Protein backbone atom coordinates (compact mmCIF):
# COMPACT_ATOMS: atom_id res chain seq x y z
CA MET A 1 212.03 30.87 67.77
CA ASP A 2 213.29 34.44 67.47
CA PHE A 3 214.53 36.89 64.83
CA SER A 4 218.23 36.00 65.24
CA LEU A 5 218.42 34.58 61.72
CA GLU A 6 216.85 37.68 60.21
CA ARG A 7 219.12 39.93 62.24
CA ARG A 8 222.17 37.99 61.12
CA TYR A 9 221.43 38.70 57.46
CA ALA A 10 220.52 42.31 58.21
CA SER A 11 223.94 42.71 59.85
CA LYS A 12 225.51 41.52 56.61
CA GLY A 13 224.00 44.45 54.75
CA PHE A 14 220.67 43.06 53.52
CA SER A 15 218.30 45.95 54.17
CA VAL A 16 215.02 44.01 53.87
CA VAL A 17 214.79 40.36 54.93
CA GLY A 18 211.76 38.38 53.75
CA GLY A 19 210.49 34.94 54.64
CA VAL A 20 208.97 32.65 52.01
CA ASP A 21 206.80 29.57 52.17
CA GLU A 22 204.41 27.76 49.87
CA VAL A 23 201.22 25.77 50.21
CA GLY A 24 199.42 23.54 47.75
CA ARG A 25 202.47 21.97 46.16
CA GLY A 26 201.14 18.43 46.54
CA ALA A 27 197.45 19.16 45.97
CA VAL A 28 195.65 17.54 43.03
CA ALA A 29 193.30 20.51 42.61
CA GLY A 30 193.48 24.25 43.04
CA PRO A 31 196.34 26.69 42.72
CA LEU A 32 199.78 26.68 44.27
CA PHE A 33 200.30 29.67 46.58
CA VAL A 34 203.57 31.27 47.69
CA ALA A 35 203.70 33.96 50.37
CA VAL A 36 206.33 36.51 51.29
CA ALA A 37 206.31 37.86 54.86
CA ILE A 38 208.39 40.81 56.07
CA PHE A 39 208.85 42.30 59.54
CA GLU A 40 210.45 45.64 58.83
CA ASN A 41 211.67 46.16 62.39
CA PHE A 42 211.69 42.48 63.36
CA CYS A 43 208.42 42.89 65.20
CA GLY A 44 209.78 45.66 67.44
CA GLY A 45 210.29 43.27 70.33
CA CYS A 46 206.75 41.87 70.28
CA ASP A 47 206.00 38.38 71.56
CA ILE A 48 206.15 35.73 68.83
CA PHE A 49 202.70 34.19 69.10
CA TRP A 50 202.73 32.40 65.73
CA THR A 51 204.46 29.30 64.41
CA ASP A 52 204.51 27.12 61.32
CA SER A 53 200.95 26.81 60.02
CA LYS A 54 201.12 23.01 60.13
CA LYS A 55 201.53 23.21 63.91
CA ILE A 56 198.46 25.42 64.38
CA ASN A 57 195.44 23.22 65.00
CA GLY A 58 192.24 24.22 63.27
CA GLU A 59 191.31 26.55 60.45
CA ASN A 60 189.67 29.09 62.75
CA THR A 61 192.76 29.28 64.95
CA ARG A 62 194.98 29.86 61.90
CA ARG A 63 192.73 32.69 60.76
CA LYS A 64 192.88 34.30 64.20
CA VAL A 65 196.68 34.11 64.11
CA PHE A 66 196.64 35.67 60.65
CA MET A 67 194.44 38.53 61.84
CA LYS A 68 196.75 39.13 64.81
CA LEU A 69 199.72 39.27 62.43
CA LEU A 70 197.94 42.01 60.49
CA ASP A 71 197.85 44.09 63.67
CA ILE A 72 201.65 44.21 63.89
CA PRO A 73 202.62 47.70 62.60
CA ASP A 74 205.80 46.70 60.76
CA PHE A 75 204.45 43.50 59.21
CA TYR A 76 203.60 43.32 55.54
CA TRP A 77 203.04 40.47 53.15
CA SER A 78 202.22 39.43 49.62
CA VAL A 79 200.99 36.28 47.90
CA GLY A 80 201.34 34.98 44.37
CA TRP A 81 199.85 31.89 42.82
CA VAL A 82 199.70 29.76 39.70
CA GLU A 83 196.65 27.87 38.55
CA ALA A 84 196.30 24.16 37.86
CA TRP A 85 196.48 24.54 34.07
CA GLU A 86 199.75 26.47 34.39
CA ILE A 87 201.24 23.68 36.51
CA ASP A 88 200.10 21.14 33.92
CA GLU A 89 201.75 23.12 31.11
CA LYS A 90 205.02 24.11 32.76
CA GLY A 91 205.54 21.93 35.83
CA ILE A 92 205.53 22.37 39.57
CA MET A 93 209.12 23.64 39.87
CA TRP A 94 208.41 26.42 37.38
CA GLY A 95 205.19 27.10 39.28
CA LEU A 96 207.00 27.63 42.58
CA GLY A 97 209.34 30.23 41.11
CA GLU A 98 206.63 31.93 39.12
CA ALA A 99 204.28 32.21 42.10
CA LEU A 100 207.09 33.71 44.20
CA ASP A 101 207.95 36.14 41.39
CA ARG A 102 204.30 37.21 41.19
CA ALA A 103 204.22 37.81 44.93
CA LEU A 104 207.38 39.92 44.79
CA ASN A 105 206.02 41.97 41.90
CA LYS A 106 203.12 43.11 44.11
CA ILE A 107 205.46 44.66 46.67
CA ARG A 108 206.44 48.32 46.29
CA GLU A 109 210.00 48.71 45.05
CA GLU A 110 211.28 50.35 48.23
CA LYS A 111 209.79 47.56 50.36
CA LYS A 112 211.01 44.58 48.31
CA PRO A 113 213.25 42.10 50.11
CA THR A 114 216.94 42.17 49.31
CA ILE A 115 217.23 38.60 50.59
CA LEU A 116 214.68 35.82 50.92
CA LEU A 117 214.81 33.10 53.56
CA VAL A 118 213.00 30.15 52.00
CA ASP A 119 211.75 27.02 53.70
CA GLY A 120 213.40 23.84 52.46
CA LYS A 121 216.61 22.62 50.86
CA LEU A 122 216.44 24.36 47.49
CA PRO A 123 215.94 27.92 46.21
CA PHE A 124 213.00 28.80 43.98
CA THR A 125 213.92 28.76 40.31
CA GLY A 126 213.75 31.82 38.07
CA VAL A 127 213.84 34.39 40.89
CA SER A 128 216.49 37.12 40.77
CA THR A 129 216.41 38.06 44.47
CA VAL A 130 219.11 36.47 46.62
CA GLN A 131 217.76 33.39 48.42
CA ARG A 132 218.91 31.34 51.38
CA PRO A 133 217.21 27.94 51.74
CA ILE A 134 216.67 26.99 55.39
CA VAL A 135 215.87 23.38 56.24
CA LYS A 136 212.92 23.38 58.66
CA GLY A 137 212.98 27.14 58.30
CA ASP A 138 209.35 27.44 59.35
CA SER A 139 210.42 26.27 62.82
CA ILE A 140 213.44 28.59 62.99
CA SER A 141 212.50 31.84 61.28
CA PRO A 142 209.47 33.88 62.37
CA SER A 143 209.36 35.40 58.88
CA ILE A 144 209.11 32.00 57.20
CA ALA A 145 206.58 30.84 59.81
CA ALA A 146 204.45 33.92 59.16
CA ALA A 147 204.65 33.29 55.41
CA SER A 148 203.40 29.75 56.00
CA VAL A 149 200.39 31.08 57.91
CA VAL A 150 199.60 33.69 55.25
CA ALA A 151 199.91 31.21 52.38
CA LYS A 152 197.76 28.60 54.12
CA VAL A 153 194.97 30.95 55.19
CA ILE A 154 194.71 32.75 51.85
CA ARG A 155 194.84 29.55 49.81
CA ASP A 156 192.22 27.85 51.99
CA ILE A 157 189.85 30.78 51.47
CA TYR A 158 190.50 30.82 47.72
CA VAL A 159 190.03 27.08 47.23
CA ALA A 160 186.86 27.02 49.34
CA SER A 161 185.38 29.59 46.96
CA LEU A 162 185.73 27.32 43.91
CA SER A 163 182.16 26.07 43.60
CA GLU A 164 183.08 23.41 41.02
CA LEU A 165 185.23 21.68 43.64
CA ILE A 166 182.66 21.62 46.44
CA PRO A 167 181.25 18.20 45.39
CA TYR A 168 184.79 16.83 45.72
CA GLY A 169 184.99 17.71 49.41
CA VAL A 170 187.17 20.79 48.98
CA MET A 171 185.80 22.38 52.15
CA THR A 172 187.73 19.81 54.15
CA ASN A 173 190.45 18.46 51.83
CA LYS A 174 191.45 21.86 50.33
CA GLY A 175 192.20 20.18 47.02
CA TYR A 176 194.49 17.44 48.35
CA GLY A 177 194.12 13.85 47.21
CA THR A 178 192.12 12.33 50.03
CA LYS A 179 190.40 9.00 49.52
CA TYR A 180 187.03 10.73 49.15
CA HIS A 181 188.40 13.25 46.66
CA LEU A 182 189.97 10.57 44.49
CA GLU A 183 186.81 8.47 44.59
CA LYS A 184 184.77 11.48 43.44
CA ILE A 185 187.21 12.05 40.58
CA GLN A 186 186.67 8.47 39.42
CA GLU A 187 182.90 8.95 39.66
CA GLU A 188 182.51 12.48 38.31
CA GLY A 189 185.66 13.15 36.29
CA ILE A 190 187.72 16.30 36.71
CA THR A 191 187.09 20.04 36.66
CA ILE A 192 189.13 22.90 35.24
CA TRP A 193 190.63 23.29 38.71
CA HIS A 194 192.22 19.82 38.74
CA ARG A 195 195.86 19.17 37.83
CA LYS A 196 195.76 16.57 35.08
CA THR A 197 199.46 15.82 35.39
CA PHE A 198 198.93 14.84 39.03
CA LEU A 199 195.98 12.59 38.19
CA SER A 200 197.03 10.65 35.11
CA LYS A 201 196.18 7.23 36.53
CA TYR A 202 192.68 8.42 37.42
CA LEU A 203 191.82 9.88 34.02
CA LYS A 204 190.35 8.33 30.93
CA GLU A 205 192.44 8.56 27.78
CA GLY A 206 190.48 11.48 26.32
CA GLU A 207 190.81 13.53 29.50
CA ARG A 208 194.61 13.41 29.52
CA LYS A 209 195.11 15.69 26.52
């Protein structure tokens, strides 16, 4: 993996190339996070020590990679997220675009990407910045891979802080629908951090409203 993809778009006149990835799309609890990662000078020739977050074994290792990314002088990033109740009201596809838009809005105007390389087959909806979907982009683009690390580390920290979810095993399942998590939902019901629309078959009639 190298910055050839980013350089290709830079050569076409895109002054700032950003990588985008999300985490939490399939979770039954907790927010959906989207991260934007930008290497202003394409890492200045540094060694690419990171990869897609799913290929990094262990939470502690991912955090160490994240901290090393922060040491790269030309690297900057942003995250945006939408909460469970927002996903219930407006849907996951809206949530993806909205979370990305929120992340972009946190970036200073002069630093905002002019093109976004996004992991997957489809662009994010409702986002005005030019996008290029890249299938398996987190294995091809260092910017997308870095975004995957940022999104995963920040979301894991956020979700672990939600005390209402601790009895549901959030410290290990991070809000995903593991067997233990689903069993606890049937025993204890849901919290404000759960996505009702993802759990309809586990809810009593009164809880679905």
